[in-house]
Amino acid sequence: MARVFLGPAGIPIGAKERKRSAGTIDGIRYVREVGLNAMEVEFVQGVKMSREAAQEAGEVARELGVRLSVHAPYFINLCSEEKEKVEASIARLEESLDRVRRWALRLLYFTLPITVSLDRRDATMPLGIAFLGLLIG
C-alpha cells in the first residue's frame, strides 16, 4: 500500500513561535509533534547547512519517521549559454546533494527553477548531461 507523506516546506511557523532561532532539527521535531511525516528543507537562498548539521538532521528525521526532501537553490540555470552560470548551477546542485546524501534517503526530488532561452529540444541535451554528471559524480 502506498504511503502519503505530508509536511511543510521549510521550518514550520509553529516551531519558530516556540523558539525564535528554530532550525531544521526543531522543525523536524515540531512536524512529528503535530502528526505530520515530511518536511522540505529549503536551500533556496543557498546551502547554509553544514555537513555535520545535515548528518544530525538525518538521524533525527530517521528516529522520528519524518521524510526529508530538499528544495535546491533558486539560482540554477543548466541551460545558460554562459559556461560559468552552468558550472555554478552544477556546484549548487552538488552541494545540495552532498547534504541530502547524509540523510540516506531512498526518494529524493529537486524543484529546479530553470530559465531557458533555448527551444525545449535544444535544452534537453544540456539538462541530461548535467544530471548524468550529478548522478555518477
C-alpha atoms as a PDB file:
ATOM      1  CA  MET A   1       0.000   0.000   0.000  1.00  0.00           C
ATOM      2  CA  ALA A   2       1.279   3.443  -0.906  1.00  0.00           C
ATOM      3  CA  ARG A   3       2.168   5.868   1.862  1.00  0.00           C
ATOM      4  CA  VAL A   4       1.410   9.536   1.702  1.00  0.00           C
ATOM      5  CA  PHE A   5       3.918  11.982   3.121  1.00  0.00           C
ATOM      6  CA  LEU A   6       2.611  15.351   4.296  1.00  0.00           C
ATOM      7  CA  GLY A   7       4.572  18.235   5.693  1.00  0.00           C
ATOM      8  CA  PRO A   8       5.595  21.842   5.304  1.00  0.00           C
ATOM      9  CA  ALA A   9       8.132  23.492   3.063  1.00  0.00           C
ATOM     10  CA  GLY A  10      10.695  24.895   5.446  1.00  0.00           C
ATOM     11  CA  ILE A  11      10.730  25.202   9.207  1.00  0.00           C
ATOM     12  CA  PRO A  12       7.118  25.433  10.391  1.00  0.00           C
ATOM     13  CA  ILE A  13       5.898  28.722  11.818  1.00  0.00           C
ATOM     14  CA  GLY A  14       4.821  26.891  14.979  1.00  0.00           C
ATOM     15  CA  ALA A  15       8.419  25.826  15.641  1.00  0.00           C
ATOM     16  CA  LYS A  16       9.575  29.413  15.181  1.00  0.00           C
ATOM     17  CA  GLU A  17       6.872  30.694  17.535  1.00  0.00           C
ATOM     18  CA  ARG A  18       8.230  28.415  20.254  1.00  0.00           C
ATOM     19  CA  LYS A  19      11.857  29.243  19.613  1.00  0.00           C
ATOM     20  CA  ARG A  20      12.828  32.316  17.655  1.00  0.00           C
ATOM     21  CA  SER A  21      16.059  30.734  16.386  1.00  0.00           C
ATOM     22  CA  ALA A  22      14.408  27.424  15.412  1.00  0.00           C
ATOM     23  CA  GLY A  23      16.460  25.387  12.977  1.00  0.00           C
ATOM     24  CA  THR A  24      15.945  22.317  10.837  1.00  0.00           C
ATOM     25  CA  ILE A  25      16.037  19.862  13.742  1.00  0.00           C
ATOM     26  CA  ASP A  26      13.490  21.926  15.698  1.00  0.00           C
ATOM     27  CA  GLY A  27      11.324  21.877  12.575  1.00  0.00           C
ATOM     28  CA  ILE A  28      11.604  18.090  12.217  1.00  0.00           C
ATOM     29  CA  ARG A  29      10.593  17.587  15.845  1.00  0.00           C
ATOM     30  CA  TYR A  30       7.676  20.004  15.521  1.00  0.00           C
ATOM     31  CA  VAL A  31       6.467  18.278  12.332  1.00  0.00           C
ATOM     32  CA  ARG A  32       6.311  14.943  14.182  1.00  0.00           C
ATOM     33  CA  GLU A  33       4.580  16.515  17.210  1.00  0.00           C
ATOM     34  CA  VAL A  34       1.733  17.860  15.070  1.00  0.00           C
ATOM     35  CA  GLY A  35       1.247  14.499  13.355  1.00  0.00           C
ATOM     36  CA  LEU A  36       2.949  15.121  10.008  1.00  0.00           C
ATOM     37  CA  ASN A  37       5.596  12.879   8.474  1.00  0.00           C
ATOM     38  CA  ALA A  38       7.565  15.003   5.983  1.00  0.00           C
ATOM     39  CA  MET A  39       9.402  18.289   5.702  1.00  0.00           C
ATOM     40  CA  GLU A  40      11.081  20.089   2.845  1.00  0.00           C
ATOM     41  CA  VAL A  41      14.433  21.593   3.729  1.00  0.00           C
ATOM     42  CA  GLU A  42      14.782  24.828   1.825  1.00  0.00           C
ATOM     43  CA  PHE A  43      18.171  25.654   0.354  1.00  0.00           C
ATOM     44  CA  VAL A  44      16.522  28.308  -1.805  1.00  0.00           C
ATOM     45  CA  GLN A  45      18.981  31.093  -0.917  1.00  0.00           C
ATOM     46  CA  GLY A  46      21.961  28.736  -0.872  1.00  0.00           C
ATOM     47  CA  VAL A  47      23.132  25.679   1.048  1.00  0.00           C
ATOM     48  CA  LYS A  48      23.798  27.073   4.508  1.00  0.00           C
ATOM     49  CA  MET A  49      23.649  23.768   6.354  1.00  0.00           C
ATOM     50  CA  SER A  50      26.962  22.204   7.387  1.00  0.00           C
ATOM     51  CA  ARG A  51      27.679  18.557   6.655  1.00  0.00           C
ATOM     52  CA  GLU A  52      27.563  17.830  10.375  1.00  0.00           C
ATOM     53  CA  ALA A  53      24.185  19.536  10.767  1.00  0.00           C
ATOM     54  CA  ALA A  54      22.862  17.582   7.773  1.00  0.00           C
ATOM     55  CA  GLN A  55      24.055  14.337   9.359  1.00  0.00           C
ATOM     56  CA  GLU A  56      22.342  15.198  12.649  1.00  0.00           C
ATOM     57  CA  ALA A  57      19.122  16.276  10.902  1.00  0.00           C
ATOM     58  CA  GLY A  58      19.051  12.995   9.011  1.00  0.00           C
ATOM     59  CA  GLU A  59      19.470  10.990  12.204  1.00  0.00           C
ATOM     60  CA  VAL A  60      16.682  12.893  13.988  1.00  0.00           C
ATOM     61  CA  ALA A  61      14.381  12.551  10.980  1.00  0.00           C
ATOM     62  CA  ARG A  62      15.004   8.775  10.783  1.00  0.00           C
ATOM     63  CA  GLU A  63      14.401   8.340  14.516  1.00  0.00           C
ATOM     64  CA  LEU A  64      11.111  10.254  14.288  1.00  0.00           C
ATOM     65  CA  GLY A  65       9.958   8.807  10.965  1.00  0.00           C
ATOM     66  CA  VAL A  66       9.975  12.144   9.135  1.00  0.00           C
ATOM     67  CA  ARG A  67      10.791  12.026   5.409  1.00  0.00           C
ATOM     68  CA  LEU A  68      13.007  14.903   4.301  1.00  0.00           C
ATOM     69  CA  SER A  69      13.189  16.423   0.846  1.00  0.00           C
ATOM     70  CA  VAL A  70      15.103  19.409  -0.423  1.00  0.00           C
ATOM     71  CA  HIS A  71      14.423  22.485  -2.489  1.00  0.00           C
ATOM     72  CA  ALA A  72      17.631  23.344  -4.336  1.00  0.00           C
ATOM     73  CA  PRO A  73      18.782  26.970  -4.568  1.00  0.00           C
ATOM     74  CA  TYR A  74      16.831  29.241  -6.883  1.00  0.00           C
ATOM     75  CA  PHE A  75      19.989  30.310  -8.690  1.00  0.00           C
ATOM     76  CA  ILE A  76      20.117  27.369 -11.097  1.00  0.00           C
ATOM     77  CA  ASN A  77      20.277  27.559 -14.852  1.00  0.00           C
ATOM     78  CA  LEU A  78      21.603  24.444 -16.532  1.00  0.00           C
ATOM     79  CA  CYS A  79      20.712  25.744 -19.981  1.00  0.00           C
ATOM     80  CA  SER A  80      22.556  29.044 -19.864  1.00  0.00           C
ATOM     81  CA  GLU A  81      24.735  29.904 -22.801  1.00  0.00           C
ATOM     82  CA  GLU A  82      27.269  31.176 -20.244  1.00  0.00           C
ATOM     83  CA  LYS A  83      29.568  28.343 -19.128  1.00  0.00           C
ATOM     84  CA  GLU A  84      30.215  29.979 -15.732  1.00  0.00           C
ATOM     85  CA  LYS A  85      26.486  30.016 -14.883  1.00  0.00           C
ATOM     86  CA  VAL A  86      26.107  26.333 -15.773  1.00  0.00           C
ATOM     87  CA  GLU A  87      29.176  25.419 -13.691  1.00  0.00           C
ATOM     88  CA  ALA A  88      27.919  27.446 -10.719  1.00  0.00           C
ATOM     89  CA  SER A  89      24.488  25.826 -11.051  1.00  0.00           C
ATOM     90  CA  ILE A  90      26.003  22.347 -11.045  1.00  0.00           C
ATOM     91  CA  ALA A  91      28.095  23.262  -7.985  1.00  0.00           C
ATOM     92  CA  ARG A  92      24.923  24.378  -6.136  1.00  0.00           C
ATOM     93  CA  LEU A  93      23.216  21.106  -7.013  1.00  0.00           C
ATOM     94  CA  GLU A  94      26.269  19.094  -5.931  1.00  0.00           C
ATOM     95  CA  GLU A  95      26.338  20.926  -2.598  1.00  0.00           C
ATOM     96  CA  SER A  96      22.618  20.226  -2.104  1.00  0.00           C
ATOM     97  CA  LEU A  97      23.122  16.559  -2.979  1.00  0.00           C
ATOM     98  CA  ASP A  98      26.051  16.301  -0.577  1.00  0.00           C
ATOM     99  CA  ARG A  99      23.779  17.288   2.313  1.00  0.00           C
ATOM    100  CA  VAL A 100      20.914  15.084   1.181  1.00  0.00           C
ATOM    101  CA  ARG A 101      23.122  12.015   0.815  1.00  0.00           C
ATOM    102  CA  ARG A 102      23.765  12.281   4.548  1.00  0.00           C
ATOM    103  CA  TRP A 103      20.061  11.673   5.097  1.00  0.00           C
ATOM    104  CA  ALA A 104      20.285   8.226   3.411  1.00  0.00           C
ATOM    105  CA  LEU A 105      17.087   8.817   1.506  1.00  0.00           C
ATOM    106  CA  ARG A 106      15.575   6.391  -0.958  1.00  0.00           C
ATOM    107  CA  LEU A 107      13.455   9.110  -2.524  1.00  0.00           C
ATOM    108  CA  LEU A 108      14.775  12.495  -3.464  1.00  0.00           C
ATOM    109  CA  TYR A 109      13.410  15.296  -5.573  1.00  0.00           C
ATOM    110  CA  PHE A 110      14.529  18.728  -6.532  1.00  0.00           C
ATOM    111  CA  THR A 111      12.422  21.573  -7.748  1.00  0.00           C
ATOM    112  CA  LEU A 112      14.681  23.102 -10.333  1.00  0.00           C
ATOM    113  CA  PRO A 113      13.920  26.637 -11.370  1.00  0.00           C
ATOM    114  CA  ILE A 114      15.431  26.802 -14.826  1.00  0.00           C
ATOM    115  CA  THR A 115      15.450  29.827 -17.073  1.00  0.00           C
ATOM    116  CA  VAL A 116      15.609  28.607 -20.642  1.00  0.00           C
ATOM    117  CA  SER A 117      16.200  30.811 -23.639  1.00  0.00           C
ATOM    118  CA  LEU A 118      16.601  27.693 -25.778  1.00  0.00           C
ATOM    119  CA  ASP A 119      13.971  25.698 -27.612  1.00  0.00           C
ATOM    120  CA  ARG A 120      12.772  22.769 -25.474  1.00  0.00           C
ATOM    121  CA  ARG A 121      14.508  20.204 -27.715  1.00  0.00           C
ATOM    122  CA  ASP A 122      17.788  22.144 -27.572  1.00  0.00           C
ATOM    123  CA  ALA A 123      17.569  22.302 -23.759  1.00  0.00           C
ATOM    124  CA  THR A 124      17.202  18.531 -23.340  1.00  0.00           C
ATOM    125  CA  MET A 125      20.838  17.651 -24.038  1.00  0.00           C
ATOM    126  CA  PRO A 126      22.499  20.037 -21.532  1.00  0.00           C
ATOM    127  CA  LEU A 127      19.981  19.022 -18.855  1.00  0.00           C
ATOM    128  CA  GLY A 128      20.636  15.328 -19.476  1.00  0.00           C
ATOM    129  CA  ILE A 129      24.400  15.793 -19.390  1.00  0.00           C
ATOM    130  CA  ALA A 130      24.234  17.842 -16.173  1.00  0.00           C
ATOM    131  CA  PHE A 131      22.016  15.300 -14.383  1.00  0.00           C
ATOM    132  CA  LEU A 132      24.082  12.351 -15.555  1.00  0.00           C
ATOM    133  CA  GLY A 133      27.175  14.070 -14.176  1.00  0.00           C
ATOM    134  CA  LEU A 134      25.440  14.637 -10.835  1.00  0.00           C
ATOM    135  CA  LEU A 135      24.288  11.015 -10.622  1.00  0.00           C
ATOM    136  CA  ILE A 136      27.640   9.432 -11.355  1.00  0.00           C
ATOM    137  CA  GLY A 137      29.780  12.179  -9.792  1.00  0.00           C
END
